Amino acid sequence: MSPAGAGAARVVPGWVLRSPGGRLSGRVRPRTLAVGVVLAVALLATSAVTLSTGDYPVPLRDLIGSLLGHGDPASDFIVITLRLPRLLAGLLVGAALGVSGALLQSLSGNPLGSPDIVGFTSGAATGALVVIIVTGGDLRAISVGAVTGGVAAAVLVYLLALRGGSPGLRLILVGIGVSAMLVAANYYLITRARLETALAAQVWLTGSLNGRGWEQVRPALVAVGVLLPAALAYGRRLALLELGDDAAAALGVPVRRTRLLLVGVSVALAAVATAAAGPIVFVALAAPHLARRLARSAAPTILPAALLGALLLVGGDLLTQRAFGTRQLPVGITTGALGGLYLAWLLVHEWRRGRG
């Protein structure tokens, strides 16, 4: 083989895994696998601390007994009734936001691609506020309103971004504009509501896991259980789409159908997360970007983004609970403060890279 040929035959690190029939296959990079294991262990440890500590500490032995179904009544009430639904809601919402952001950042080719930046989350909040303030619907109606609003905002942004060519940067710019208008509409709705309803709506807009029960966990579990495998299955095409539409089409990827499907999955995950916990900001922005940096991967890292999103949200909620004592502040305050610092760093980093 000539030197030129040797340089062209670049070896891609990792292990190739195939299903028994060979119909499904995938490559796993050792570093990505190691990052996933570390994040899973950190998430498990954070979950154990969340369930066992607080105003009423639960020893580890009693915690395990309650989780296995043979704990005493007092521990079962604290762990199963009070703490576990809140933890599971945080895990599901964080994972949904992490995957949603990973898909959107890859599809837009922009690190600012995030459902809370481009208006998907704001649209879900608008749909939920219409139900809360105008119709006074119950929890199920609020969830339906959030999903409907998120999908409607996504359709509007996507159609406007498609005009004149490939979405790319247009998706971000159009999304920021639509998001600004939706935020204004949200605050207008609050000003037209009664005082007690306006206060409840404002608290919901902050994003919180306070008071979350099994009625929020069950639908979120079903939705994430369906959407996450779809994101993992079709996410293999993201690396090809990042090469450009023409290159991806030449490699056999149905570009328009794949892009539309993955945008739909991203929107649905963001809407489900918003319906379960309100519009929690910056998790979808930071988790995918940090996951790629940890894995040192040029390709999208969907599963690490899900784990990191869950870890950021559960860790932020734990920090909020322990730092402020009995004051049950919304976790959206913590993610907003930390995310604002991260966004400022990201903008400075991108500006310096652009100048370099």
Protein backbone atom coordinates (compact mmCIF):
# COMPACT_ATOMS: atom_id res chain seq x y z
CA MET A 1 0.00 0.00 0.00
CA SER A 2 1.30 3.42 -0.89
CA PRO A 3 1.82 6.10 1.80
CA ALA A 4 -1.13 8.02 0.42
CA GLY A 5 -3.30 4.94 0.65
CA ALA A 6 -2.14 4.30 4.19
CA GLY A 7 -3.10 7.81 5.18
CA ALA A 8 -6.52 7.45 3.60
CA ALA A 9 -7.25 4.19 5.43
CA ARG A 10 -7.92 5.83 8.76
CA VAL A 11 -8.78 3.41 11.55
CA VAL A 12 -11.82 4.44 13.58
CA PRO A 13 -11.36 3.39 17.23
CA GLY A 14 -14.00 1.36 19.01
CA TRP A 15 -15.85 -1.92 18.99
CA VAL A 16 -18.50 -2.89 16.48
CA LEU A 17 -21.57 -4.51 18.09
CA ARG A 18 -24.06 -6.44 15.96
CA SER A 19 -27.39 -8.09 16.67
CA PRO A 20 -27.58 -11.89 16.21
CA GLY A 21 -29.10 -11.53 12.74
CA GLY A 22 -26.71 -8.77 11.77
CA ARG A 23 -29.56 -6.36 10.92
CA LEU A 24 -28.52 -3.88 13.63
CA SER A 25 -24.98 -2.79 14.34
CA GLY A 26 -23.19 0.06 16.00
CA ARG A 27 -19.72 1.23 16.97
CA VAL A 28 -18.87 1.89 20.60
CA ARG A 29 -15.82 4.01 21.40
CA PRO A 30 -13.98 3.02 24.60
CA ARG A 31 -13.84 6.58 25.92
CA THR A 32 -17.54 7.16 25.27
CA LEU A 33 -18.33 3.91 27.08
CA ALA A 34 -16.11 4.92 30.00
CA VAL A 35 -17.77 8.34 30.22
CA GLY A 36 -21.19 6.69 30.22
CA VAL A 37 -20.19 4.33 33.04
CA VAL A 38 -18.79 7.18 35.15
CA LEU A 39 -21.91 9.29 34.61
CA ALA A 40 -24.15 6.32 35.50
CA VAL A 41 -22.22 5.72 38.74
CA ALA A 42 -22.36 9.43 39.62
CA LEU A 43 -26.09 9.45 38.89
CA LEU A 44 -26.63 6.39 41.07
CA ALA A 45 -24.69 7.97 43.94
CA THR A 46 -26.59 11.26 43.63
CA SER A 47 -29.89 9.37 43.59
CA ALA A 48 -28.95 7.46 46.74
CA VAL A 49 -28.07 10.70 48.54
CA THR A 50 -31.33 12.29 47.39
CA LEU A 51 -33.44 9.40 48.68
CA SER A 52 -31.61 8.89 51.98
CA THR A 53 -30.94 12.41 53.24
CA GLY A 54 -33.18 15.31 54.22
CA ASP A 55 -35.27 16.35 57.19
CA TYR A 56 -35.95 12.65 57.85
CA PRO A 57 -32.78 10.65 57.07
CA VAL A 58 -33.28 7.09 55.91
CA PRO A 59 -30.45 4.59 56.56
CA LEU A 60 -29.11 2.85 53.47
CA ARG A 61 -30.39 -0.54 54.66
CA ASP A 62 -33.92 0.80 55.12
CA LEU A 63 -33.70 2.59 51.77
CA ILE A 64 -32.81 -0.62 49.96
CA GLY A 65 -35.57 -2.45 51.83
CA SER A 66 -38.17 0.09 50.75
CA LEU A 67 -37.02 -0.03 47.12
CA LEU A 68 -37.18 -3.82 47.15
CA GLY A 69 -40.69 -3.80 48.63
CA HIS A 70 -40.09 -5.01 52.19
CA GLY A 71 -39.40 -1.83 54.13
CA ASP A 72 -41.16 -0.54 57.22
CA PRO A 73 -44.20 1.78 56.79
CA ALA A 74 -42.36 4.95 57.85
CA SER A 75 -39.49 4.42 55.41
CA ASP A 76 -41.89 3.40 52.64
CA PHE A 77 -43.85 6.63 53.05
CA ILE A 78 -40.75 8.83 52.97
CA VAL A 79 -38.98 7.00 50.15
CA ILE A 80 -41.76 5.65 47.92
CA THR A 81 -44.44 8.30 48.39
CA LEU A 82 -42.44 11.49 48.87
CA ARG A 83 -38.92 11.23 47.47
CA LEU A 84 -38.88 8.60 44.73
CA PRO A 85 -41.46 10.27 42.42
CA ARG A 86 -39.56 13.54 42.61
CA LEU A 87 -36.27 11.77 41.85
CA LEU A 88 -37.72 9.81 38.92
CA ALA A 89 -39.31 12.97 37.53
CA GLY A 90 -35.90 14.65 37.65
CA LEU A 91 -34.21 11.69 35.98
CA LEU A 92 -36.77 11.50 33.18
CA VAL A 93 -36.98 15.26 32.58
CA GLY A 94 -33.19 15.68 32.65
CA ALA A 95 -32.65 12.77 30.25
CA ALA A 96 -35.37 14.04 27.91
CA LEU A 97 -33.86 17.53 27.83
CA GLY A 98 -30.34 16.18 27.30
CA VAL A 99 -31.38 14.05 24.32
CA SER A 100 -33.58 16.80 22.90
CA GLY A 101 -30.68 19.24 23.00
CA ALA A 102 -28.25 16.69 21.52
CA LEU A 103 -30.52 16.07 18.54
CA LEU A 104 -31.19 19.75 17.91
CA GLN A 105 -27.56 20.81 18.24
CA SER A 106 -26.50 18.17 15.73
CA LEU A 107 -29.30 18.95 13.28
CA SER A 108 -28.71 22.70 13.41
CA GLY A 109 -24.91 22.40 13.42
CA ASN A 110 -24.82 25.02 16.16
CA PRO A 111 -23.89 24.67 19.87
CA LEU A 112 -26.73 27.10 20.66
CA GLY A 113 -29.27 24.65 19.26
CA SER A 114 -31.47 23.95 22.25
CA PRO A 115 -35.25 23.68 22.69
CA ASP A 116 -35.27 26.50 25.24
CA ILE A 117 -33.24 28.76 22.93
CA VAL A 118 -35.20 28.19 19.71
CA GLY A 119 -38.68 28.46 21.19
CA PHE A 120 -39.87 24.87 21.56
CA THR A 121 -39.95 25.10 25.36
CA SER A 122 -41.56 28.55 25.24
CA GLY A 123 -44.27 27.16 22.96
CA ALA A 124 -44.91 24.32 25.40
CA ALA A 125 -45.15 26.86 28.21
CA THR A 126 -47.64 28.91 26.19
CA GLY A 127 -49.84 25.87 25.63
CA ALA A 128 -49.76 25.01 29.32
CA LEU A 129 -50.48 28.60 30.40
CA VAL A 130 -53.51 28.77 28.13
CA VAL A 131 -54.90 25.73 29.94
CA ILE A 132 -53.97 27.02 33.41
CA ILE A 133 -55.24 30.57 32.96
CA VAL A 134 -57.95 30.43 30.31
CA THR A 135 -59.62 27.05 30.74
CA GLY A 136 -58.54 26.13 34.27
CA GLY A 137 -57.89 22.53 33.24
CA ASP A 138 -56.50 19.75 35.41
CA LEU A 139 -53.03 18.22 35.33
CA ARG A 140 -53.76 16.03 32.33
CA ALA A 141 -55.12 18.98 30.35
CA ILE A 142 -52.03 21.03 31.23
CA SER A 143 -49.80 18.24 29.92
CA VAL A 144 -51.78 18.04 26.68
CA GLY A 145 -51.61 21.81 26.33
CA ALA A 146 -47.84 21.81 26.85
CA VAL A 147 -47.26 19.11 24.23
CA THR A 148 -49.61 20.84 21.77
CA GLY A 149 -47.93 24.23 22.27
CA GLY A 150 -44.44 22.78 21.87
CA VAL A 151 -45.35 20.97 18.65
CA ALA A 152 -47.09 24.07 17.23
CA ALA A 153 -44.07 26.27 17.99
CA ALA A 154 -41.73 23.71 16.43
CA VAL A 155 -43.81 23.49 13.26
CA LEU A 156 -43.82 27.28 12.95
CA VAL A 157 -40.06 27.58 13.51
CA TYR A 158 -39.23 24.73 11.17
CA LEU A 159 -41.42 26.02 8.34
CA LEU A 160 -40.00 29.51 8.62
CA ALA A 161 -36.44 28.17 8.76
CA LEU A 162 -36.98 26.02 5.65
CA ARG A 163 -37.79 29.05 3.53
CA GLY A 164 -34.78 29.84 1.40
CA GLY A 165 -32.82 26.63 1.93
CA SER A 166 -31.39 24.37 4.59
CA PRO A 167 -32.39 25.13 8.22
CA GLY A 168 -28.93 25.36 9.85
CA LEU A 169 -28.31 28.81 11.28
CA ARG A 170 -31.76 29.98 10.16
CA LEU A 171 -33.32 27.52 12.61
CA ILE A 172 -31.49 29.20 15.49
CA LEU A 173 -32.21 32.77 14.38
CA VAL A 174 -35.88 32.15 13.59
CA GLY A 175 -36.26 30.17 16.81
CA ILE A 176 -34.84 32.99 18.93
CA GLY A 177 -37.30 35.42 17.37
CA VAL A 178 -40.28 33.10 17.84
CA SER A 179 -39.17 32.39 21.41
CA ALA A 180 -39.09 36.10 22.22
CA MET A 181 -42.64 36.53 20.93
CA LEU A 182 -43.87 33.50 22.87
CA VAL A 183 -42.27 34.75 26.09
CA ALA A 184 -44.08 38.06 25.61
CA ALA A 185 -47.34 36.17 25.03
CA ASN A 186 -46.76 34.15 28.20
CA TYR A 187 -46.33 37.24 30.34
CA TYR A 188 -49.37 38.83 28.72
CA LEU A 189 -51.43 35.79 29.71
CA ILE A 190 -50.19 36.13 33.29
CA THR A 191 -51.19 39.81 33.45
CA ARG A 192 -54.75 38.89 32.41
CA ALA A 193 -55.17 36.20 35.08
CA ARG A 194 -56.51 36.45 38.61
CA LEU A 195 -53.89 37.02 41.29
CA GLU A 196 -53.81 33.49 42.69
CA THR A 197 -53.81 31.96 39.20
CA ALA A 198 -51.08 34.34 38.05
CA LEU A 199 -48.91 33.40 41.04
CA ALA A 200 -49.37 29.68 40.34
CA ALA A 201 -48.56 30.21 36.66
CA GLN A 202 -45.44 32.21 37.50
CA VAL A 203 -44.18 29.48 39.81
CA TRP A 204 -44.84 26.89 37.08
CA LEU A 205 -42.88 29.00 34.58
CA THR A 206 -39.80 28.84 36.82
CA GLY A 207 -39.53 25.08 36.39
CA SER A 208 -39.72 22.91 39.47
CA LEU A 209 -39.74 19.34 40.77
CA ASN A 210 -41.51 20.36 43.99
CA GLY A 211 -44.59 18.29 44.70
CA ARG A 212 -44.09 15.97 41.75
CA GLY A 213 -45.90 12.67 42.20
CA TRP A 214 -46.57 9.45 40.39
CA GLU A 215 -49.21 11.17 38.23
CA GLN A 216 -46.38 13.14 36.53
CA VAL A 217 -43.90 10.24 36.49
CA ARG A 218 -46.04 7.63 34.72
CA PRO A 219 -46.80 9.53 31.49
CA ALA A 220 -43.24 10.88 31.35
CA LEU A 221 -41.88 7.34 31.76
CA VAL A 222 -44.04 6.05 28.90
CA ALA A 223 -43.11 8.95 26.60
CA VAL A 224 -39.37 8.78 27.30
CA GLY A 225 -39.49 4.97 27.03
CA VAL A 226 -40.82 5.35 23.48
CA LEU A 227 -38.88 8.41 22.31
CA LEU A 228 -35.43 7.60 23.68
CA PRO A 229 -35.05 4.30 21.73
CA ALA A 230 -36.21 6.15 18.60
CA ALA A 231 -33.55 8.82 19.18
CA LEU A 232 -30.88 6.15 19.68
CA ALA A 233 -31.97 4.20 16.59
CA TYR A 234 -32.12 7.14 14.20
CA GLY A 235 -29.37 9.07 15.95
CA ARG A 236 -26.83 6.90 14.12
CA ARG A 237 -27.63 8.98 11.04
CA LEU A 238 -26.78 12.26 12.77
CA ALA A 239 -23.05 11.93 12.09
CA LEU A 240 -23.84 11.48 8.38
CA LEU A 241 -26.19 14.47 8.36
CA GLU A 242 -23.43 16.59 9.91
CA LEU A 243 -21.38 15.92 6.75
CA GLY A 244 -23.96 17.88 4.77
CA ASP A 245 -27.23 17.00 3.08
CA ASP A 246 -25.62 16.08 -0.24
CA ALA A 247 -23.03 13.80 1.34
CA ALA A 248 -25.63 12.15 3.57
CA ALA A 249 -27.96 11.55 0.61
CA ALA A 250 -25.08 10.04 -1.37
CA LEU A 251 -24.49 7.63 1.53
CA GLY A 252 -28.10 6.47 1.41
CA VAL A 253 -29.69 8.60 4.14
CA PRO A 254 -33.21 9.90 3.36
CA VAL A 255 -32.26 13.41 4.46
CA ARG A 256 -35.57 15.24 4.65
CA ARG A 257 -37.46 12.36 6.28
CA THR A 258 -34.69 11.67 8.80
CA ARG A 259 -34.31 15.34 9.70
CA LEU A 260 -38.06 15.78 10.15
CA LEU A 261 -38.31 12.64 12.28
CA LEU A 262 -35.43 13.63 14.55
CA VAL A 263 -36.78 17.18 14.94
CA GLY A 264 -40.11 15.63 15.90
CA VAL A 265 -38.44 13.43 18.52
CA SER A 266 -36.54 16.42 19.90
CA VAL A 267 -39.71 18.51 20.11
CA ALA A 268 -41.70 15.71 21.73
CA LEU A 269 -39.02 15.14 24.38
CA ALA A 270 -38.83 18.85 25.19
CA ALA A 271 -42.63 19.12 25.37
CA VAL A 272 -42.91 16.06 27.64
CA ALA A 273 -40.22 17.46 29.94
CA THR A 274 -41.99 20.83 30.08
CA ALA A 275 -45.32 19.19 30.80
CA ALA A 276 -43.80 17.23 33.69
CA ALA A 277 -41.76 19.95 35.39
CA GLY A 278 -42.31 23.28 33.66
CA PRO A 279 -39.79 25.06 31.42
CA ILE A 280 -36.43 24.17 33.01
CA VAL A 281 -33.76 26.12 31.16
CA PHE A 282 -30.19 25.43 30.03
CA VAL A 283 -30.08 21.68 30.77
CA ALA A 284 -30.78 20.91 27.12
CA LEU A 285 -28.11 23.42 26.11
CA ALA A 286 -25.31 22.36 28.44
CA ALA A 287 -25.69 18.57 28.72
CA PRO A 288 -25.01 17.61 25.05
CA HIS A 289 -22.14 20.03 24.72
CA LEU A 290 -20.47 18.84 27.92
CA ALA A 291 -21.08 15.19 26.97
CA ARG A 292 -19.25 15.66 23.66
CA ARG A 293 -16.36 17.33 25.43
CA LEU A 294 -16.10 14.58 28.02
CA ALA A 295 -16.25 11.86 25.37
CA ARG A 296 -13.97 13.84 23.01
CA SER A 297 -16.21 12.73 20.21
CA ALA A 298 -16.95 14.53 16.97
CA ALA A 299 -20.11 12.45 16.58
CA PRO A 300 -23.29 13.09 18.61
CA THR A 301 -23.29 11.36 22.00
CA ILE A 302 -26.95 10.75 22.73
CA LEU A 303 -26.77 8.34 25.66
CA PRO A 304 -24.07 10.30 27.55
CA ALA A 305 -26.13 13.45 26.94
CA ALA A 306 -29.16 11.73 28.50
CA LEU A 307 -27.14 10.63 31.54
CA LEU A 308 -25.52 14.04 31.95
CA GLY A 309 -28.85 15.85 31.58
CA ALA A 310 -30.35 13.66 34.30
CA LEU A 311 -27.29 14.19 36.52
CA LEU A 312 -27.37 17.98 36.07
CA LEU A 313 -31.06 18.22 36.93
CA VAL A 314 -31.05 15.77 39.85
CA GLY A 315 -27.83 17.26 41.20
CA GLY A 316 -29.22 20.78 40.85
CA ASP A 317 -32.41 19.77 42.63
CA LEU A 318 -30.40 18.17 45.46
CA LEU A 319 -28.29 21.32 45.76
CA THR A 320 -31.42 23.47 45.86
CA GLN A 321 -33.03 21.32 48.57
CA ARG A 322 -29.97 21.16 50.83
CA ALA A 323 -28.67 24.71 50.34
CA PHE A 324 -31.94 26.46 51.25
CA GLY A 325 -33.24 24.15 53.99
CA THR A 326 -37.00 24.14 54.35
CA ARG A 327 -37.44 26.71 51.59
CA GLN A 328 -38.49 24.60 48.61
CA LEU A 329 -37.10 26.74 45.81
CA PRO A 330 -37.66 25.63 42.20
CA VAL A 331 -34.74 23.85 40.58
CA GLY A 332 -35.18 26.15 37.58
CA ILE A 333 -33.52 28.90 39.64
CA THR A 334 -30.38 26.79 40.04
CA THR A 335 -30.23 25.65 36.41
CA GLY A 336 -30.90 29.20 35.24
CA ALA A 337 -28.05 30.66 37.33
CA LEU A 338 -25.53 27.97 36.40
CA GLY A 339 -26.73 27.84 32.80
CA GLY A 340 -26.38 31.58 32.38
CA LEU A 341 -22.71 31.35 33.37
CA TYR A 342 -22.23 28.42 31.01
CA LEU A 343 -23.90 30.28 28.13
CA ALA A 344 -21.63 33.29 28.68
CA TRP A 345 -18.57 31.00 28.63
CA LEU A 346 -19.83 29.25 25.50
CA LEU A 347 -20.36 32.53 23.64
CA VAL A 348 -16.89 33.77 24.60
CA HIS A 349 -15.36 30.43 23.56
CA GLU A 350 -17.10 30.47 20.18
CA TRP A 351 -16.10 34.10 19.62
CA ARG A 352 -12.45 33.35 20.36
CA ARG A 353 -12.49 30.29 18.12
CA GLY A 354 -14.04 32.35 15.34
CA ARG A 355 -11.32 34.97 15.66
CA GLY A 356 -8.62 32.31 15.75
